[in-house]
Amino acid sequence: MTALARAMAEIEGYFRAGTRAARNCNPGNLRSPPKVTLKGQTGIDAGGFAVFPDAATGWAALDHQIDIDVKRGHTLASFLRKYAPASEKDRKSVV
């Protein structure tokens, strides 16, 4: 896992029992785009967040998404704006 992925998981509450990220085995709280299933995804929760069968699959999905965004030319600043848009700043994703 990359340092960025670990930092994202920490912010999303992945390491705290009972959070959405922990329940969904989704350390980055990745959302599944409409009509797209992320690699290894087994479902989607009521909030639109991807559900993975285990931690290894969730970590792989997060690392894969980071790789995709790097290849798209995102800088750290643009990646963070995409990942945590202003419209979601007041929402709690750890519920």
N, C-alpha and C. Protein backbone atom coordinates (compact mmCIF):
# COMPACT_ATOMS: atom_id res chain seq x y z
N MET A 1 0.84 -1.18 0.00
CA MET A 1 0.00 0.00 0.00
C MET A 1 0.88 1.24 0.00
N THR A 2 0.45 2.23 -0.70
CA THR A 2 1.22 3.47 -0.77
C THR A 2 0.94 4.32 0.47
N ALA A 3 1.83 5.26 0.72
CA ALA A 3 1.62 6.18 1.85
C ALA A 3 0.35 7.00 1.63
N LEU A 4 0.07 7.37 0.39
CA LEU A 4 -1.14 8.14 0.09
C LEU A 4 -2.38 7.31 0.41
N ALA A 5 -2.38 6.04 0.00
CA ALA A 5 -3.53 5.16 0.27
C ALA A 5 -3.74 5.01 1.77
N ARG A 6 -2.66 4.83 2.51
CA ARG A 6 -2.78 4.68 3.97
C ARG A 6 -3.34 5.96 4.60
N ALA A 7 -2.87 7.11 4.15
CA ALA A 7 -3.35 8.38 4.69
C ALA A 7 -4.84 8.55 4.38
N MET A 8 -5.24 8.17 3.18
CA MET A 8 -6.65 8.29 2.81
C MET A 8 -7.50 7.37 3.69
N ALA A 9 -7.03 6.15 3.91
CA ALA A 9 -7.76 5.21 4.75
C ALA A 9 -7.91 5.73 6.17
N GLU A 10 -6.87 6.36 6.67
CA GLU A 10 -6.92 6.93 8.02
C GLU A 10 -8.00 8.02 8.09
N ILE A 11 -8.01 8.90 7.11
CA ILE A 11 -9.00 9.98 7.08
C ILE A 11 -10.42 9.42 6.96
N GLU A 12 -10.58 8.35 6.18
CA GLU A 12 -11.90 7.75 5.97
C GLU A 12 -12.37 6.90 7.15
N GLY A 13 -11.51 6.72 8.15
CA GLY A 13 -11.91 5.95 9.32
C GLY A 13 -11.77 4.46 9.17
N TYR A 14 -11.02 4.01 8.18
CA TYR A 14 -10.90 2.58 7.90
C TYR A 14 -10.38 1.78 9.09
N PHE A 15 -9.50 2.37 9.87
CA PHE A 15 -8.86 1.64 10.97
C PHE A 15 -9.69 1.66 12.26
N ARG A 16 -10.90 2.23 12.20
CA ARG A 16 -11.81 2.23 13.35
C ARG A 16 -12.96 1.26 13.08
N ALA A 17 -13.15 0.34 13.98
CA ALA A 17 -14.20 -0.67 13.84
C ALA A 17 -15.57 -0.02 13.70
N GLY A 18 -16.38 -0.57 12.80
CA GLY A 18 -17.75 -0.12 12.65
C GLY A 18 -17.97 1.00 11.66
N THR A 19 -16.91 1.60 11.14
CA THR A 19 -17.09 2.67 10.16
C THR A 19 -17.50 2.08 8.82
N ARG A 20 -18.04 2.91 7.96
CA ARG A 20 -18.44 2.47 6.63
C ARG A 20 -17.25 1.86 5.89
N ALA A 21 -16.10 2.52 5.94
CA ALA A 21 -14.91 2.02 5.25
C ALA A 21 -14.52 0.63 5.76
N ALA A 22 -14.57 0.43 7.07
CA ALA A 22 -14.22 -0.88 7.65
C ALA A 22 -15.26 -1.93 7.28
N ARG A 23 -16.53 -1.60 7.41
CA ARG A 23 -17.61 -2.56 7.10
C ARG A 23 -17.56 -3.00 5.64
N ASN A 24 -17.25 -2.06 4.75
CA ASN A 24 -17.26 -2.36 3.32
C ASN A 24 -15.92 -2.88 2.80
N CYS A 25 -14.93 -3.03 3.70
CA CYS A 25 -13.57 -3.42 3.27
C CYS A 25 -13.10 -2.49 2.16
N ASN A 26 -13.39 -1.21 2.32
CA ASN A 26 -13.14 -0.18 1.32
C ASN A 26 -12.36 0.96 1.97
N PRO A 27 -11.03 0.81 2.10
CA PRO A 27 -10.24 1.79 2.85
C PRO A 27 -10.30 3.21 2.29
N GLY A 28 -10.60 3.38 1.02
CA GLY A 28 -10.68 4.71 0.44
C GLY A 28 -12.09 5.23 0.30
N ASN A 29 -13.07 4.48 0.78
CA ASN A 29 -14.47 4.83 0.60
C ASN A 29 -14.73 5.19 -0.86
N LEU A 30 -14.26 4.33 -1.74
CA LEU A 30 -14.48 4.55 -3.18
C LEU A 30 -15.95 4.38 -3.50
N ARG A 31 -16.43 5.26 -4.35
CA ARG A 31 -17.80 5.13 -4.85
C ARG A 31 -17.74 4.40 -6.19
N SER A 32 -18.75 3.62 -6.43
CA SER A 32 -18.85 2.92 -7.69
C SER A 32 -19.57 3.82 -8.69
N PRO A 33 -18.90 4.18 -9.79
CA PRO A 33 -19.57 5.03 -10.78
C PRO A 33 -20.81 4.33 -11.36
N PRO A 34 -21.78 5.09 -11.83
CA PRO A 34 -22.98 4.47 -12.42
C PRO A 34 -22.61 3.48 -13.54
N LYS A 35 -23.24 2.34 -13.50
CA LYS A 35 -23.08 1.30 -14.52
C LYS A 35 -21.65 0.76 -14.61
N VAL A 36 -20.86 0.93 -13.55
CA VAL A 36 -19.48 0.43 -13.53
C VAL A 36 -19.29 -0.36 -12.24
N THR A 37 -18.65 -1.51 -12.37
CA THR A 37 -18.28 -2.28 -11.19
C THR A 37 -16.77 -2.23 -11.08
N LEU A 38 -16.28 -1.79 -9.94
CA LEU A 38 -14.84 -1.74 -9.72
C LEU A 38 -14.29 -3.16 -9.60
N LYS A 39 -13.06 -3.34 -9.98
CA LYS A 39 -12.45 -4.67 -9.92
C LYS A 39 -12.54 -5.25 -8.51
N GLY A 40 -13.14 -6.41 -8.39
CA GLY A 40 -13.27 -7.09 -7.12
C GLY A 40 -14.48 -6.69 -6.30
N GLN A 41 -15.21 -5.68 -6.74
CA GLN A 41 -16.38 -5.19 -6.02
C GLN A 41 -17.47 -6.24 -5.98
N THR A 42 -18.06 -6.44 -4.79
CA THR A 42 -19.13 -7.43 -4.65
C THR A 42 -20.49 -6.79 -4.44
N GLY A 43 -20.52 -5.48 -4.25
CA GLY A 43 -21.79 -4.80 -4.03
C GLY A 43 -21.60 -3.32 -3.87
N ILE A 44 -22.69 -2.69 -3.49
CA ILE A 44 -22.70 -1.24 -3.26
C ILE A 44 -23.61 -0.99 -2.07
N ASP A 45 -23.21 -0.11 -1.15
CA ASP A 45 -24.06 0.14 0.01
C ASP A 45 -25.09 1.22 -0.30
N ALA A 46 -25.93 1.51 0.66
CA ALA A 46 -27.02 2.48 0.47
C ALA A 46 -26.51 3.88 0.14
N GLY A 47 -25.27 4.19 0.51
CA GLY A 47 -24.71 5.50 0.23
C GLY A 47 -23.97 5.58 -1.10
N GLY A 48 -23.94 4.48 -1.84
CA GLY A 48 -23.27 4.46 -3.13
C GLY A 48 -21.80 4.08 -3.07
N PHE A 49 -21.34 3.61 -1.92
CA PHE A 49 -19.95 3.23 -1.75
C PHE A 49 -19.75 1.76 -2.10
N ALA A 50 -18.64 1.46 -2.76
CA ALA A 50 -18.35 0.09 -3.16
C ALA A 50 -18.12 -0.80 -1.95
N VAL A 51 -18.52 -2.06 -2.07
CA VAL A 51 -18.29 -3.07 -1.05
C VAL A 51 -17.35 -4.11 -1.65
N PHE A 52 -16.31 -4.46 -0.91
CA PHE A 52 -15.33 -5.45 -1.35
C PHE A 52 -15.37 -6.66 -0.42
N PRO A 53 -14.97 -7.84 -0.91
CA PRO A 53 -15.09 -9.06 -0.09
C PRO A 53 -14.09 -9.14 1.06
N ASP A 54 -12.97 -8.43 0.93
CA ASP A 54 -11.94 -8.51 1.97
C ASP A 54 -11.02 -7.30 1.86
N ALA A 55 -10.19 -7.13 2.87
CA ALA A 55 -9.30 -5.98 2.93
C ALA A 55 -8.33 -5.92 1.76
N ALA A 56 -7.77 -7.06 1.38
CA ALA A 56 -6.79 -7.07 0.29
C ALA A 56 -7.39 -6.54 -1.01
N THR A 57 -8.62 -6.92 -1.29
CA THR A 57 -9.29 -6.47 -2.51
C THR A 57 -9.59 -4.97 -2.44
N GLY A 58 -10.01 -4.50 -1.27
CA GLY A 58 -10.27 -3.08 -1.09
C GLY A 58 -9.00 -2.24 -1.25
N TRP A 59 -7.89 -2.71 -0.66
CA TRP A 59 -6.62 -1.98 -0.81
C TRP A 59 -6.17 -1.97 -2.27
N ALA A 60 -6.33 -3.10 -2.95
CA ALA A 60 -5.94 -3.17 -4.36
C ALA A 60 -6.76 -2.19 -5.19
N ALA A 61 -8.05 -2.07 -4.90
CA ALA A 61 -8.91 -1.14 -5.63
C ALA A 61 -8.48 0.31 -5.39
N LEU A 62 -8.13 0.63 -4.16
CA LEU A 62 -7.69 1.99 -3.84
C LEU A 62 -6.36 2.30 -4.54
N ASP A 63 -5.41 1.39 -4.47
CA ASP A 63 -4.13 1.60 -5.16
C ASP A 63 -4.33 1.73 -6.67
N HIS A 64 -5.24 0.93 -7.21
CA HIS A 64 -5.53 0.99 -8.65
C HIS A 64 -6.12 2.35 -9.02
N GLN A 65 -7.03 2.87 -8.19
CA GLN A 65 -7.63 4.17 -8.48
C GLN A 65 -6.58 5.28 -8.42
N ILE A 66 -5.68 5.20 -7.46
CA ILE A 66 -4.60 6.18 -7.38
C ILE A 66 -3.74 6.11 -8.64
N ASP A 67 -3.40 4.90 -9.08
CA ASP A 67 -2.60 4.73 -10.31
C ASP A 67 -3.32 5.32 -11.52
N ILE A 68 -4.61 5.08 -11.64
CA ILE A 68 -5.39 5.63 -12.76
C ILE A 68 -5.32 7.16 -12.75
N ASP A 69 -5.50 7.74 -11.58
CA ASP A 69 -5.50 9.20 -11.50
C ASP A 69 -4.13 9.79 -11.77
N VAL A 70 -3.08 9.10 -11.38
CA VAL A 70 -1.72 9.55 -11.71
C VAL A 70 -1.53 9.53 -13.23
N LYS A 71 -1.98 8.46 -13.87
CA LYS A 71 -1.86 8.35 -15.34
C LYS A 71 -2.70 9.40 -16.06
N ARG A 72 -3.75 9.86 -15.43
CA ARG A 72 -4.59 10.91 -16.01
C ARG A 72 -3.95 12.29 -15.85
N GLY A 73 -2.83 12.34 -15.13
CA GLY A 73 -2.12 13.60 -14.97
C GLY A 73 -2.50 14.41 -13.75
N HIS A 74 -3.23 13.81 -12.83
CA HIS A 74 -3.61 14.56 -11.63
C HIS A 74 -2.37 14.90 -10.81
N THR A 75 -2.35 16.12 -10.33
CA THR A 75 -1.36 16.51 -9.33
C THR A 75 -1.96 16.11 -7.97
N LEU A 76 -1.19 16.23 -6.92
CA LEU A 76 -1.73 15.91 -5.61
C LEU A 76 -2.92 16.82 -5.30
N ALA A 77 -2.80 18.09 -5.61
CA ALA A 77 -3.89 19.04 -5.34
C ALA A 77 -5.14 18.70 -6.14
N SER A 78 -5.00 18.40 -7.42
CA SER A 78 -6.18 18.10 -8.24
C SER A 78 -6.78 16.75 -7.84
N PHE A 79 -5.94 15.81 -7.44
CA PHE A 79 -6.43 14.51 -6.97
C PHE A 79 -7.28 14.71 -5.70
N LEU A 80 -6.78 15.51 -4.78
CA LEU A 80 -7.53 15.73 -3.53
C LEU A 80 -8.83 16.46 -3.78
N ARG A 81 -8.86 17.39 -4.72
CA ARG A 81 -10.12 18.07 -5.07
C ARG A 81 -11.12 17.07 -5.66
N LYS A 82 -10.63 16.15 -6.49
CA LYS A 82 -11.49 15.13 -7.08
C LYS A 82 -11.98 14.15 -6.02
N TYR A 83 -11.05 13.73 -5.17
CA TYR A 83 -11.37 12.72 -4.17
C TYR A 83 -12.27 13.25 -3.06
N ALA A 84 -12.06 14.49 -2.67
CA ALA A 84 -12.84 15.10 -1.59
C ALA A 84 -13.39 16.44 -2.04
N PRO A 85 -14.39 16.41 -2.94
CA PRO A 85 -14.93 17.67 -3.46
C PRO A 85 -15.58 18.51 -2.36
N ALA A 86 -15.58 19.81 -2.58
CA ALA A 86 -16.16 20.74 -1.61
C ALA A 86 -17.60 20.37 -1.26
N SER A 87 -18.33 19.81 -2.22
CA SER A 87 -19.72 19.46 -1.99
C SER A 87 -19.89 18.36 -0.93
N GLU A 88 -18.83 17.65 -0.61
CA GLU A 88 -18.90 16.57 0.36
C GLU A 88 -18.18 16.89 1.67
N LYS A 89 -17.67 18.07 1.81
CA LYS A 89 -16.86 18.40 2.99
C LYS A 89 -17.65 18.28 4.31
N ASP A 90 -18.94 18.57 4.28
CA ASP A 90 -19.74 18.52 5.50
C ASP A 90 -20.32 17.14 5.75
N ARG A 91 -20.23 16.23 4.80
CA ARG A 91 -20.80 14.90 4.95
C ARG A 91 -19.84 13.99 5.67
N LYS A 92 -20.36 13.15 6.50
CA LYS A 92 -19.55 12.19 7.24
C LYS A 92 -19.55 10.87 6.46
N SER A 93 -18.39 10.46 5.94
CA SER A 93 -18.33 9.20 5.19
C SER A 93 -17.99 8.04 6.11
N VAL A 94 -17.74 8.30 7.38
CA VAL A 94 -17.37 7.23 8.29
C VAL A 94 -18.57 6.58 8.96
N VAL A 95 -19.76 7.02 8.65
CA VAL A 95 -20.96 6.52 9.29
C VAL A 95 -21.18 5.06 8.98
